Amino acid sequence: MKWIIVVGFALIIGSLASAMIFLIRDRGRTRNTVRALGFRVGFSIALFLFILFAHWMGWIQSTGVPIVTR
């Protein structure tokens, strides 16, 4: 399960890096930057939906944030 999430984050970071490279190299003249950023948004939404689905199926459990009282 952790590997799927790590791969998802790697795809998101890779798409963001490719958008930066296209922006620097093409100087905004082609649609490559927009396409790479669109893929990044798609990967982010897909990862979020997968995490919600995995929680719903019981594959992962939330641990919550402990409440500390003073």
N, C-alpha and C. Protein backbone atom coordinates (compact mmCIF):
# COMPACT_ATOMS: atom_id res chain seq x y z
N MET A 1 0.83 -1.19 0.00
CA MET A 1 0.00 0.00 0.00
C MET A 1 0.88 1.26 0.00
N LYS A 2 1.95 1.20 0.79
CA LYS A 2 2.83 2.38 0.86
C LYS A 2 3.50 2.65 -0.48
N TRP A 3 3.81 1.58 -1.22
CA TRP A 3 4.48 1.75 -2.50
C TRP A 3 3.60 2.46 -3.51
N ILE A 4 2.30 2.19 -3.47
CA ILE A 4 1.38 2.85 -4.40
C ILE A 4 1.36 4.35 -4.13
N ILE A 5 1.34 4.72 -2.87
CA ILE A 5 1.31 6.13 -2.49
C ILE A 5 2.64 6.81 -2.84
N VAL A 6 3.74 6.10 -2.62
CA VAL A 6 5.06 6.66 -2.97
C VAL A 6 5.17 6.87 -4.48
N VAL A 7 4.69 5.90 -5.26
CA VAL A 7 4.71 6.04 -6.71
C VAL A 7 3.83 7.21 -7.15
N GLY A 8 2.66 7.37 -6.50
CA GLY A 8 1.78 8.50 -6.82
C GLY A 8 2.46 9.83 -6.56
N PHE A 9 3.13 9.95 -5.42
CA PHE A 9 3.84 11.19 -5.12
C PHE A 9 4.99 11.41 -6.11
N ALA A 10 5.67 10.33 -6.51
CA ALA A 10 6.76 10.46 -7.49
C ALA A 10 6.22 10.96 -8.84
N LEU A 11 5.05 10.46 -9.24
CA LEU A 11 4.44 10.93 -10.49
C LEU A 11 4.08 12.40 -10.40
N ILE A 12 3.57 12.82 -9.26
CA ILE A 12 3.19 14.23 -9.07
C ILE A 12 4.43 15.13 -9.14
N ILE A 13 5.48 14.75 -8.43
CA ILE A 13 6.71 15.55 -8.42
C ILE A 13 7.37 15.54 -9.81
N GLY A 14 7.36 14.38 -10.47
CA GLY A 14 7.94 14.29 -11.82
C GLY A 14 7.21 15.16 -12.82
N SER A 15 5.88 15.18 -12.72
CA SER A 15 5.10 16.02 -13.62
C SER A 15 5.35 17.50 -13.36
N LEU A 16 5.49 17.85 -12.10
CA LEU A 16 5.79 19.24 -11.77
C LEU A 16 7.18 19.64 -12.27
N ALA A 17 8.13 18.73 -12.16
CA ALA A 17 9.49 19.02 -12.65
C ALA A 17 9.50 19.14 -14.18
N SER A 18 8.75 18.28 -14.85
CA SER A 18 8.72 18.38 -16.31
C SER A 18 8.04 19.68 -16.76
N ALA A 19 7.04 20.13 -16.02
CA ALA A 19 6.40 21.41 -16.34
C ALA A 19 7.41 22.55 -16.20
N MET A 20 8.25 22.47 -15.15
CA MET A 20 9.25 23.52 -14.96
C MET A 20 10.27 23.51 -16.10
N ILE A 21 10.67 22.32 -16.52
CA ILE A 21 11.64 22.21 -17.61
C ILE A 21 11.03 22.74 -18.91
N PHE A 22 9.78 22.38 -19.18
CA PHE A 22 9.13 22.88 -20.39
C PHE A 22 8.98 24.40 -20.34
N LEU A 23 8.68 24.94 -19.16
CA LEU A 23 8.52 26.39 -19.03
C LEU A 23 9.84 27.11 -19.30
N ILE A 24 10.92 26.56 -18.79
CA ILE A 24 12.23 27.20 -18.99
C ILE A 24 12.70 27.03 -20.44
N ARG A 25 12.55 25.83 -21.00
CA ARG A 25 13.06 25.55 -22.34
C ARG A 25 12.22 26.20 -23.43
N ASP A 26 10.89 26.05 -23.34
CA ASP A 26 10.01 26.56 -24.41
C ASP A 26 9.59 28.00 -24.19
N ARG A 27 9.78 28.52 -23.00
CA ARG A 27 9.38 29.88 -22.64
C ARG A 27 7.90 30.14 -22.88
N GLY A 28 7.08 29.11 -22.66
CA GLY A 28 5.64 29.28 -22.75
C GLY A 28 5.08 29.32 -24.15
N ARG A 29 5.88 28.98 -25.16
CA ARG A 29 5.38 29.04 -26.53
C ARG A 29 4.58 27.80 -26.93
N THR A 30 4.79 26.69 -26.25
CA THR A 30 4.04 25.46 -26.57
C THR A 30 3.09 25.12 -25.44
N ARG A 31 2.25 24.12 -25.67
CA ARG A 31 1.27 23.72 -24.66
C ARG A 31 1.81 22.65 -23.73
N ASN A 32 3.10 22.34 -23.81
CA ASN A 32 3.67 21.27 -22.99
C ASN A 32 3.58 21.57 -21.51
N THR A 33 3.79 22.81 -21.12
CA THR A 33 3.71 23.18 -19.71
C THR A 33 2.30 22.99 -19.18
N VAL A 34 1.32 23.42 -19.93
CA VAL A 34 -0.08 23.28 -19.51
C VAL A 34 -0.45 21.81 -19.42
N ARG A 35 0.00 21.02 -20.37
CA ARG A 35 -0.29 19.59 -20.38
C ARG A 35 0.33 18.90 -19.15
N ALA A 36 1.59 19.24 -18.83
CA ALA A 36 2.26 18.64 -17.68
C ALA A 36 1.58 19.03 -16.38
N LEU A 37 1.15 20.29 -16.27
CA LEU A 37 0.44 20.71 -15.06
C LEU A 37 -0.94 20.06 -14.97
N GLY A 38 -1.56 19.83 -16.12
CA GLY A 38 -2.84 19.11 -16.12
C GLY A 38 -2.68 17.67 -15.64
N PHE A 39 -1.59 17.01 -16.08
CA PHE A 39 -1.31 15.67 -15.59
C PHE A 39 -1.07 15.68 -14.08
N ARG A 40 -0.38 16.72 -13.59
CA ARG A 40 -0.12 16.80 -12.15
C ARG A 40 -1.42 16.89 -11.37
N VAL A 41 -2.35 17.71 -11.85
CA VAL A 41 -3.65 17.83 -11.18
C VAL A 41 -4.39 16.49 -11.22
N GLY A 42 -4.34 15.83 -12.37
CA GLY A 42 -4.98 14.53 -12.50
C GLY A 42 -4.39 13.49 -11.56
N PHE A 43 -3.05 13.44 -11.47
CA PHE A 43 -2.40 12.51 -10.56
C PHE A 43 -2.75 12.83 -9.10
N SER A 44 -2.83 14.11 -8.75
CA SER A 44 -3.17 14.49 -7.38
C SER A 44 -4.58 14.05 -7.02
N ILE A 45 -5.52 14.28 -7.92
CA ILE A 45 -6.91 13.89 -7.67
C ILE A 45 -7.02 12.37 -7.58
N ALA A 46 -6.32 11.66 -8.47
CA ALA A 46 -6.36 10.20 -8.46
C ALA A 46 -5.78 9.64 -7.17
N LEU A 47 -4.68 10.22 -6.69
CA LEU A 47 -4.08 9.76 -5.43
C LEU A 47 -5.01 10.03 -4.26
N PHE A 48 -5.64 11.19 -4.23
CA PHE A 48 -6.56 11.52 -3.15
C PHE A 48 -7.74 10.56 -3.14
N LEU A 49 -8.30 10.29 -4.31
CA LEU A 49 -9.43 9.36 -4.39
C LEU A 49 -9.02 7.94 -4.03
N PHE A 50 -7.81 7.55 -4.39
CA PHE A 50 -7.33 6.22 -4.00
C PHE A 50 -7.18 6.11 -2.50
N ILE A 51 -6.66 7.15 -1.85
CA ILE A 51 -6.51 7.11 -0.39
C ILE A 51 -7.88 7.04 0.28
N LEU A 52 -8.84 7.80 -0.22
CA LEU A 52 -10.20 7.71 0.34
C LEU A 52 -10.79 6.32 0.14
N PHE A 53 -10.61 5.73 -1.05
CA PHE A 53 -11.12 4.39 -1.32
C PHE A 53 -10.44 3.35 -0.44
N ALA A 54 -9.12 3.45 -0.26
CA ALA A 54 -8.40 2.50 0.58
C ALA A 54 -8.86 2.60 2.04
N HIS A 55 -9.15 3.79 2.51
CA HIS A 55 -9.67 3.95 3.87
C HIS A 55 -11.06 3.35 3.99
N TRP A 56 -11.89 3.55 2.98
CA TRP A 56 -13.25 3.01 2.98
C TRP A 56 -13.24 1.47 2.96
N MET A 57 -12.30 0.89 2.22
CA MET A 57 -12.18 -0.57 2.13
C MET A 57 -11.52 -1.18 3.37
N GLY A 58 -10.91 -0.35 4.20
CA GLY A 58 -10.25 -0.85 5.40
C GLY A 58 -8.81 -1.25 5.19
N TRP A 59 -8.25 -0.94 4.02
CA TRP A 59 -6.86 -1.27 3.75
C TRP A 59 -5.91 -0.42 4.57
N ILE A 60 -6.31 0.81 4.88
CA ILE A 60 -5.53 1.70 5.73
C ILE A 60 -6.45 2.23 6.82
N GLN A 61 -5.87 2.53 7.98
CA GLN A 61 -6.65 3.09 9.08
C GLN A 61 -6.03 4.42 9.48
N SER A 62 -6.89 5.34 9.82
CA SER A 62 -6.39 6.62 10.30
C SER A 62 -6.03 6.50 11.76
N THR A 63 -4.95 7.15 12.13
CA THR A 63 -4.52 7.08 13.52
C THR A 63 -5.02 8.28 14.31
N GLY A 64 -5.38 9.33 13.62
CA GLY A 64 -5.88 10.52 14.29
C GLY A 64 -4.76 11.32 14.93
N VAL A 65 -5.12 12.47 15.40
CA VAL A 65 -4.18 13.35 16.06
C VAL A 65 -4.53 13.33 17.55
N PRO A 66 -3.56 12.96 18.39
CA PRO A 66 -3.87 12.91 19.82
C PRO A 66 -4.12 14.31 20.39
N ILE A 67 -5.13 14.42 21.23
CA ILE A 67 -5.46 15.68 21.87
C ILE A 67 -4.73 15.74 23.20
N VAL A 68 -3.90 16.74 23.35
CA VAL A 68 -3.11 16.89 24.57
C VAL A 68 -3.73 18.02 25.39
N THR A 69 -4.14 17.69 26.59
CA THR A 69 -4.68 18.72 27.49
C THR A 69 -3.63 19.06 28.52
N ARG A 70 -3.62 20.31 28.90
CA ARG A 70 -2.63 20.76 29.89
C ARG A 70 -3.26 20.97 31.22
